[in-house]
Amino acid sequence: MITKKRLENLIEWALQILGYALILVFVATYFDTFCIDDEHLYLYGLLATLIIFVLNKTIKPILFFLTIPITGITIGIFYPCINLFILKLTDWILGSHFQITNIFIAFLLAILISIMNKFVECIITEPIMRRIKKNG
């Protein structure tokens, strides 16, 4: 039986993975300096999305905790740099199948992921969770 908390987590995870996939496809389509392996685009796109998701759930909280002073001093402007690190780590893990060769495109991708995370949290996840709690 699925509990409310598990349902909440499942919805949030599905929305985040979908958001990551859409951002990766969007950026890979419009910019030449970011590419996902053309022969197996969907496979490596999904794999990159899952790696980014797992790194965001495991390593990102640790990085955020370690960089709280820098993020505070810069009034949050440093936060996308954590996403940039996660993207470069994904680039390193997947090797030639997921390449980011321009730091500006990587930074744009990191900013888009930060915006998407906030969008999913504030606009989609919280209202759904409130509705689930209200009805359940």
N, C-alpha and C. Protein backbone atom coordinates (compact mmCIF):
# COMPACT_ATOMS: atom_id res chain seq x y z
N MET A 1 0.84 -1.18 0.00
CA MET A 1 0.00 0.00 0.00
C MET A 1 0.88 1.25 0.00
N ILE A 2 0.54 2.20 -0.82
CA ILE A 2 1.31 3.43 -0.93
C ILE A 2 0.81 4.43 0.11
N THR A 3 1.72 4.89 0.95
CA THR A 3 1.36 5.89 1.95
C THR A 3 1.35 7.27 1.30
N LYS A 4 0.80 8.24 2.02
CA LYS A 4 0.74 9.60 1.50
C LYS A 4 2.14 10.17 1.25
N LYS A 5 3.05 9.91 2.18
CA LYS A 5 4.41 10.43 2.05
C LYS A 5 5.10 9.84 0.83
N ARG A 6 4.92 8.55 0.59
CA ARG A 6 5.52 7.93 -0.59
C ARG A 6 4.91 8.48 -1.87
N LEU A 7 3.60 8.71 -1.86
CA LEU A 7 2.95 9.29 -3.02
C LEU A 7 3.46 10.70 -3.29
N GLU A 8 3.64 11.48 -2.23
CA GLU A 8 4.20 12.82 -2.36
C GLU A 8 5.60 12.77 -2.97
N ASN A 9 6.44 11.89 -2.45
CA ASN A 9 7.80 11.75 -2.97
C ASN A 9 7.81 11.29 -4.42
N LEU A 10 6.95 10.35 -4.75
CA LEU A 10 6.87 9.84 -6.12
C LEU A 10 6.46 10.93 -7.09
N ILE A 11 5.47 11.73 -6.72
CA ILE A 11 5.03 12.84 -7.58
C ILE A 11 6.14 13.85 -7.75
N GLU A 12 6.79 14.21 -6.66
CA GLU A 12 7.88 15.19 -6.73
C GLU A 12 9.04 14.67 -7.59
N TRP A 13 9.42 13.42 -7.41
CA TRP A 13 10.51 12.84 -8.19
C TRP A 13 10.16 12.79 -9.67
N ALA A 14 8.95 12.37 -9.99
CA ALA A 14 8.53 12.29 -11.39
C ALA A 14 8.54 13.67 -12.05
N LEU A 15 8.07 14.68 -11.34
CA LEU A 15 8.06 16.03 -11.89
C LEU A 15 9.47 16.57 -12.09
N GLN A 16 10.35 16.30 -11.14
CA GLN A 16 11.72 16.77 -11.28
C GLN A 16 12.44 16.06 -12.43
N ILE A 17 12.27 14.77 -12.55
CA ILE A 17 12.92 14.03 -13.64
C ILE A 17 12.39 14.52 -14.98
N LEU A 18 11.09 14.73 -15.09
CA LEU A 18 10.51 15.26 -16.33
C LEU A 18 11.06 16.65 -16.63
N GLY A 19 11.17 17.48 -15.61
CA GLY A 19 11.72 18.82 -15.79
C GLY A 19 13.17 18.80 -16.25
N TYR A 20 13.99 17.95 -15.64
CA TYR A 20 15.38 17.83 -16.05
C TYR A 20 15.47 17.39 -17.51
N ALA A 21 14.66 16.41 -17.87
CA ALA A 21 14.69 15.89 -19.24
C ALA A 21 14.30 16.98 -20.23
N LEU A 22 13.26 17.74 -19.93
CA LEU A 22 12.84 18.81 -20.84
C LEU A 22 13.92 19.88 -20.99
N ILE A 23 14.55 20.25 -19.90
CA ILE A 23 15.61 21.26 -19.98
C ILE A 23 16.80 20.74 -20.77
N LEU A 24 17.21 19.50 -20.54
CA LEU A 24 18.34 18.94 -21.28
C LEU A 24 18.05 18.87 -22.77
N VAL A 25 16.85 18.43 -23.14
CA VAL A 25 16.50 18.35 -24.56
C VAL A 25 16.43 19.75 -25.17
N PHE A 26 15.85 20.70 -24.46
CA PHE A 26 15.75 22.07 -24.96
C PHE A 26 17.12 22.67 -25.23
N VAL A 27 18.01 22.57 -24.27
CA VAL A 27 19.35 23.15 -24.42
C VAL A 27 20.16 22.41 -25.48
N ALA A 28 20.06 21.09 -25.51
CA ALA A 28 20.80 20.30 -26.51
C ALA A 28 20.30 20.60 -27.92
N THR A 29 19.04 20.95 -28.07
CA THR A 29 18.48 21.25 -29.38
C THR A 29 18.96 22.59 -29.91
N TYR A 30 19.09 23.58 -29.05
CA TYR A 30 19.38 24.94 -29.51
C TYR A 30 20.85 25.36 -29.43
N PHE A 31 21.67 24.61 -28.72
CA PHE A 31 23.07 25.01 -28.58
C PHE A 31 24.00 23.88 -29.01
N ASP A 32 25.01 24.22 -29.81
CA ASP A 32 25.94 23.20 -30.33
C ASP A 32 27.00 22.78 -29.31
N THR A 33 27.23 23.58 -28.30
CA THR A 33 28.29 23.28 -27.35
C THR A 33 27.83 22.36 -26.22
N PHE A 34 26.60 21.93 -26.29
CA PHE A 34 26.07 20.94 -25.35
C PHE A 34 25.43 19.83 -26.18
N CYS A 35 25.91 18.62 -26.01
CA CYS A 35 25.33 17.54 -26.81
C CYS A 35 25.20 16.26 -26.01
N ILE A 36 24.17 15.53 -26.39
CA ILE A 36 23.92 14.20 -25.86
C ILE A 36 24.08 13.26 -27.05
N ASP A 37 24.66 12.09 -26.84
CA ASP A 37 24.94 11.13 -27.89
C ASP A 37 23.74 10.99 -28.84
N ASP A 38 23.97 11.30 -30.14
CA ASP A 38 22.88 11.29 -31.13
C ASP A 38 22.36 9.89 -31.44
N GLU A 39 23.23 8.90 -31.40
CA GLU A 39 22.80 7.55 -31.74
C GLU A 39 21.81 6.98 -30.73
N HIS A 40 22.01 7.30 -29.49
CA HIS A 40 21.14 6.81 -28.41
C HIS A 40 20.69 8.00 -27.57
N LEU A 41 20.08 8.97 -28.22
CA LEU A 41 19.71 10.22 -27.57
C LEU A 41 18.81 9.99 -26.36
N TYR A 42 17.78 9.19 -26.52
CA TYR A 42 16.83 9.00 -25.42
C TYR A 42 17.45 8.20 -24.27
N LEU A 43 18.26 7.22 -24.61
CA LEU A 43 18.91 6.41 -23.58
C LEU A 43 19.84 7.27 -22.73
N TYR A 44 20.73 8.02 -23.39
CA TYR A 44 21.68 8.83 -22.63
C TYR A 44 21.02 10.07 -22.03
N GLY A 45 19.98 10.56 -22.67
CA GLY A 45 19.23 11.67 -22.07
C GLY A 45 18.57 11.24 -20.77
N LEU A 46 17.96 10.05 -20.78
CA LEU A 46 17.34 9.51 -19.57
C LEU A 46 18.39 9.18 -18.52
N LEU A 47 19.49 8.60 -18.96
CA LEU A 47 20.57 8.26 -18.03
C LEU A 47 21.15 9.53 -17.39
N ALA A 48 21.37 10.57 -18.18
CA ALA A 48 21.87 11.84 -17.65
C ALA A 48 20.87 12.44 -16.67
N THR A 49 19.60 12.37 -17.02
CA THR A 49 18.56 12.90 -16.14
C THR A 49 18.55 12.16 -14.80
N LEU A 50 18.65 10.84 -14.85
CA LEU A 50 18.66 10.06 -13.62
C LEU A 50 19.91 10.33 -12.78
N ILE A 51 21.06 10.48 -13.45
CA ILE A 51 22.30 10.78 -12.73
C ILE A 51 22.19 12.15 -12.06
N ILE A 52 21.69 13.14 -12.78
CA ILE A 52 21.53 14.48 -12.20
C ILE A 52 20.57 14.42 -11.02
N PHE A 53 19.48 13.68 -11.17
CA PHE A 53 18.51 13.55 -10.09
C PHE A 53 19.14 12.91 -8.85
N VAL A 54 19.86 11.82 -9.04
CA VAL A 54 20.50 11.12 -7.91
C VAL A 54 21.55 12.02 -7.25
N LEU A 55 22.36 12.70 -8.06
CA LEU A 55 23.37 13.60 -7.50
C LEU A 55 22.71 14.76 -6.75
N ASN A 56 21.58 15.25 -7.26
CA ASN A 56 20.87 16.32 -6.57
C ASN A 56 20.30 15.86 -5.23
N LYS A 57 19.93 14.60 -5.14
CA LYS A 57 19.38 14.09 -3.89
C LYS A 57 20.46 13.65 -2.90
N THR A 58 21.68 13.36 -3.37
CA THR A 58 22.72 12.85 -2.48
C THR A 58 23.82 13.87 -2.22
N ILE A 59 24.47 14.33 -3.26
CA ILE A 59 25.64 15.20 -3.11
C ILE A 59 25.27 16.66 -2.93
N LYS A 60 24.21 17.10 -3.59
CA LYS A 60 23.84 18.52 -3.53
C LYS A 60 23.56 19.02 -2.12
N PRO A 61 22.84 18.29 -1.26
CA PRO A 61 22.65 18.79 0.11
C PRO A 61 23.96 18.99 0.87
N ILE A 62 24.91 18.10 0.64
CA ILE A 62 26.23 18.24 1.28
C ILE A 62 26.95 19.47 0.76
N LEU A 63 26.93 19.64 -0.57
CA LEU A 63 27.56 20.82 -1.16
C LEU A 63 26.89 22.11 -0.69
N PHE A 64 25.58 22.09 -0.61
CA PHE A 64 24.86 23.27 -0.14
C PHE A 64 25.25 23.61 1.29
N PHE A 65 25.33 22.59 2.15
CA PHE A 65 25.71 22.82 3.54
C PHE A 65 27.12 23.40 3.63
N LEU A 66 28.04 22.87 2.82
CA LEU A 66 29.42 23.35 2.85
C LEU A 66 29.57 24.76 2.29
N THR A 67 28.66 25.16 1.40
CA THR A 67 28.78 26.47 0.76
C THR A 67 27.76 27.48 1.26
N ILE A 68 27.15 27.21 2.41
CA ILE A 68 26.18 28.16 2.96
C ILE A 68 26.78 29.55 3.15
N PRO A 69 28.01 29.69 3.69
CA PRO A 69 28.56 31.04 3.83
C PRO A 69 28.71 31.79 2.50
N ILE A 70 29.19 31.09 1.47
CA ILE A 70 29.36 31.74 0.16
C ILE A 70 28.00 32.09 -0.43
N THR A 71 27.05 31.18 -0.31
CA THR A 71 25.71 31.44 -0.84
C THR A 71 25.06 32.60 -0.10
N GLY A 72 25.27 32.68 1.20
CA GLY A 72 24.72 33.79 1.98
C GLY A 72 25.35 35.12 1.63
N ILE A 73 26.66 35.14 1.48
CA ILE A 73 27.35 36.38 1.13
C ILE A 73 26.92 36.89 -0.24
N THR A 74 26.71 35.97 -1.17
CA THR A 74 26.33 36.36 -2.54
C THR A 74 24.81 36.47 -2.70
N ILE A 75 24.08 36.37 -1.61
CA ILE A 75 22.62 36.47 -1.60
C ILE A 75 21.99 35.45 -2.55
N GLY A 76 22.53 34.25 -2.57
CA GLY A 76 21.96 33.16 -3.36
C GLY A 76 22.46 33.03 -4.78
N ILE A 77 23.28 33.96 -5.22
CA ILE A 77 23.77 33.92 -6.60
C ILE A 77 24.72 32.74 -6.81
N PHE A 78 25.36 32.27 -5.76
CA PHE A 78 26.28 31.13 -5.88
C PHE A 78 25.55 29.80 -6.06
N TYR A 79 24.28 29.74 -5.70
CA TYR A 79 23.54 28.47 -5.73
C TYR A 79 23.57 27.77 -7.09
N PRO A 80 23.40 28.47 -8.22
CA PRO A 80 23.52 27.77 -9.52
C PRO A 80 24.89 27.14 -9.76
N CYS A 81 25.91 27.63 -9.09
CA CYS A 81 27.24 27.03 -9.23
C CYS A 81 27.27 25.60 -8.69
N ILE A 82 26.43 25.32 -7.71
CA ILE A 82 26.31 23.95 -7.21
C ILE A 82 25.72 23.07 -8.31
N ASN A 83 24.69 23.58 -8.99
CA ASN A 83 24.12 22.84 -10.12
C ASN A 83 25.14 22.68 -11.25
N LEU A 84 25.97 23.69 -11.45
CA LEU A 84 27.03 23.62 -12.46
C LEU A 84 27.99 22.48 -12.13
N PHE A 85 28.35 22.35 -10.87
CA PHE A 85 29.22 21.27 -10.44
C PHE A 85 28.56 19.91 -10.69
N ILE A 86 27.27 19.80 -10.39
CA ILE A 86 26.53 18.56 -10.62
C ILE A 86 26.52 18.22 -12.12
N LEU A 87 26.33 19.22 -12.96
CA LEU A 87 26.34 19.00 -14.42
C LEU A 87 27.71 18.55 -14.91
N LYS A 88 28.76 19.17 -14.42
CA LYS A 88 30.11 18.78 -14.84
C LYS A 88 30.45 17.38 -14.32
N LEU A 89 29.95 17.03 -13.15
CA LEU A 89 30.14 15.68 -12.63
C LEU A 89 29.40 14.65 -13.51
N THR A 90 28.21 15.01 -13.96
CA THR A 90 27.46 14.15 -14.89
C THR A 90 28.20 14.02 -16.21
N ASP A 91 28.76 15.12 -16.68
CA ASP A 91 29.58 15.12 -17.91
C ASP A 91 30.75 14.16 -17.74
N TRP A 92 31.39 14.20 -16.60
CA TRP A 92 32.54 13.32 -16.33
C TRP A 92 32.11 11.85 -16.26
N ILE A 93 30.97 11.59 -15.62
CA ILE A 93 30.49 10.21 -15.47
C ILE A 93 30.13 9.60 -16.82
N LEU A 94 29.40 10.33 -17.66
CA LEU A 94 28.95 9.79 -18.94
C LEU A 94 29.97 9.93 -20.06
N GLY A 95 31.02 10.68 -19.84
CA GLY A 95 32.09 10.79 -20.83
C GLY A 95 31.63 11.41 -22.13
N SER A 96 31.90 10.73 -23.24
CA SER A 96 31.61 11.30 -24.56
C SER A 96 30.13 11.26 -24.92
N HIS A 97 29.31 10.64 -24.12
CA HIS A 97 27.88 10.55 -24.42
C HIS A 97 27.09 11.77 -23.94
N PHE A 98 27.70 12.57 -23.10
CA PHE A 98 27.07 13.77 -22.54
C PHE A 98 28.18 14.79 -22.37
N GLN A 99 28.21 15.78 -23.28
CA GLN A 99 29.33 16.71 -23.26
C GLN A 99 28.85 18.15 -23.15
N ILE A 100 29.49 18.87 -22.24
CA ILE A 100 29.27 20.30 -22.10
C ILE A 100 30.64 20.94 -22.34
N THR A 101 30.78 21.62 -23.46
CA THR A 101 32.08 22.18 -23.82
C THR A 101 32.17 23.69 -23.60
N ASN A 102 31.06 24.34 -23.32
CA ASN A 102 31.06 25.78 -23.12
C ASN A 102 30.57 26.07 -21.70
N ILE A 103 31.37 26.76 -20.93
CA ILE A 103 31.03 27.03 -19.53
C ILE A 103 29.81 27.93 -19.42
N PHE A 104 29.60 28.80 -20.39
CA PHE A 104 28.44 29.69 -20.35
C PHE A 104 27.14 28.91 -20.58
N ILE A 105 27.17 27.94 -21.48
CA ILE A 105 26.01 27.09 -21.72
C ILE A 105 25.75 26.22 -20.48
N ALA A 106 26.82 25.73 -19.87
CA ALA A 106 26.67 24.95 -18.64
C ALA A 106 26.05 25.80 -17.53
N PHE A 107 26.48 27.05 -17.44
CA PHE A 107 25.92 27.94 -16.43
C PHE A 107 24.46 28.24 -16.73
N LEU A 108 24.12 28.45 -18.01
CA LEU A 108 22.73 28.65 -18.41
C LEU A 108 21.89 27.42 -18.03
N LEU A 109 22.42 26.25 -18.31
CA LEU A 109 21.75 25.00 -17.97
C LEU A 109 21.55 24.90 -16.46
N ALA A 110 22.56 25.28 -15.69
CA ALA A 110 22.47 25.24 -14.23
C ALA A 110 21.41 26.22 -13.72
N ILE A 111 21.35 27.40 -14.31
CA ILE A 111 20.33 28.38 -13.91
C ILE A 111 18.94 27.88 -14.26
N LEU A 112 18.78 27.30 -15.45
CA LEU A 112 17.48 26.75 -15.84
C LEU A 112 17.05 25.62 -14.90
N ILE A 113 17.99 24.79 -14.49
CA ILE A 113 17.66 23.71 -13.55
C ILE A 113 17.26 24.29 -12.20
N SER A 114 17.96 25.34 -11.74
CA SER A 114 17.59 25.98 -10.48
C SER A 114 16.19 26.56 -10.56
N ILE A 115 15.88 27.23 -11.66
CA ILE A 115 14.55 27.82 -11.84
C ILE A 115 13.49 26.71 -11.90
N MET A 116 13.80 25.63 -12.62
CA MET A 116 12.85 24.52 -12.73
C MET A 116 12.61 23.89 -11.37
N ASN A 117 13.65 23.70 -10.57
CA ASN A 117 13.48 23.13 -9.23
C ASN A 117 12.54 24.00 -8.39
N LYS A 118 12.74 25.29 -8.42
CA LYS A 118 11.90 26.21 -7.66
C LYS A 118 10.48 26.21 -8.20
N PHE A 119 10.34 26.18 -9.53
CA PHE A 119 9.03 26.14 -10.16
C PHE A 119 8.26 24.89 -9.76
N VAL A 120 8.91 23.75 -9.84
CA VAL A 120 8.26 22.48 -9.48
C VAL A 120 7.85 22.51 -8.01
N GLU A 121 8.72 23.03 -7.17
CA GLU A 121 8.43 23.06 -5.74
C GLU A 121 7.26 23.99 -5.41
N CYS A 122 7.33 25.22 -5.90
CA CYS A 122 6.34 26.23 -5.50
C CYS A 122 5.02 26.15 -6.27
N ILE A 123 5.10 25.93 -7.56
CA ILE A 123 3.91 26.01 -8.39
C ILE A 123 3.18 24.67 -8.52
N ILE A 124 3.92 23.58 -8.52
CA ILE A 124 3.29 22.28 -8.78
C ILE A 124 3.23 21.40 -7.54
N THR A 125 4.37 21.14 -6.90
CA THR A 125 4.42 20.16 -5.81
C THR A 125 3.62 20.61 -4.59
N GLU A 126 3.82 21.84 -4.13
CA GLU A 126 3.12 22.29 -2.92
C GLU A 126 1.60 22.27 -3.06
N PRO A 127 1.03 22.78 -4.18
CA PRO A 127 -0.44 22.69 -4.30
C PRO A 127 -0.95 21.24 -4.35
N ILE A 128 -0.22 20.36 -5.02
CA ILE A 128 -0.64 18.96 -5.07
C ILE A 128 -0.59 18.35 -3.68
N MET A 129 0.48 18.65 -2.94
CA MET A 129 0.61 18.09 -1.59
C MET A 129 -0.48 18.63 -0.67
N ARG A 130 -0.82 19.92 -0.81
CA ARG A 130 -1.90 20.49 -0.01
C ARG A 130 -3.22 19.81 -0.32
N ARG A 131 -3.46 19.54 -1.61
CA ARG A 131 -4.70 18.87 -2.03
C ARG A 131 -4.75 17.44 -1.48
N ILE A 132 -3.63 16.74 -1.53
CA ILE A 132 -3.58 15.37 -1.01
C ILE A 132 -3.85 15.37 0.50
N LYS A 133 -3.22 16.29 1.22
CA LYS A 133 -3.41 16.36 2.67
C LYS A 133 -4.85 16.75 3.02
N LYS A 134 -5.44 17.64 2.22
CA LYS A 134 -6.80 18.10 2.47
C LYS A 134 -7.81 16.97 2.23
N ASN A 135 -7.60 16.20 1.16
CA ASN A 135 -8.55 15.13 0.83
C ASN A 135 -8.31 13.86 1.64
N GLY A 136 -7.09 13.70 2.14
CA GLY A 136 -6.77 12.44 2.82
C GLY A 136 -6.88 12.57 4.26
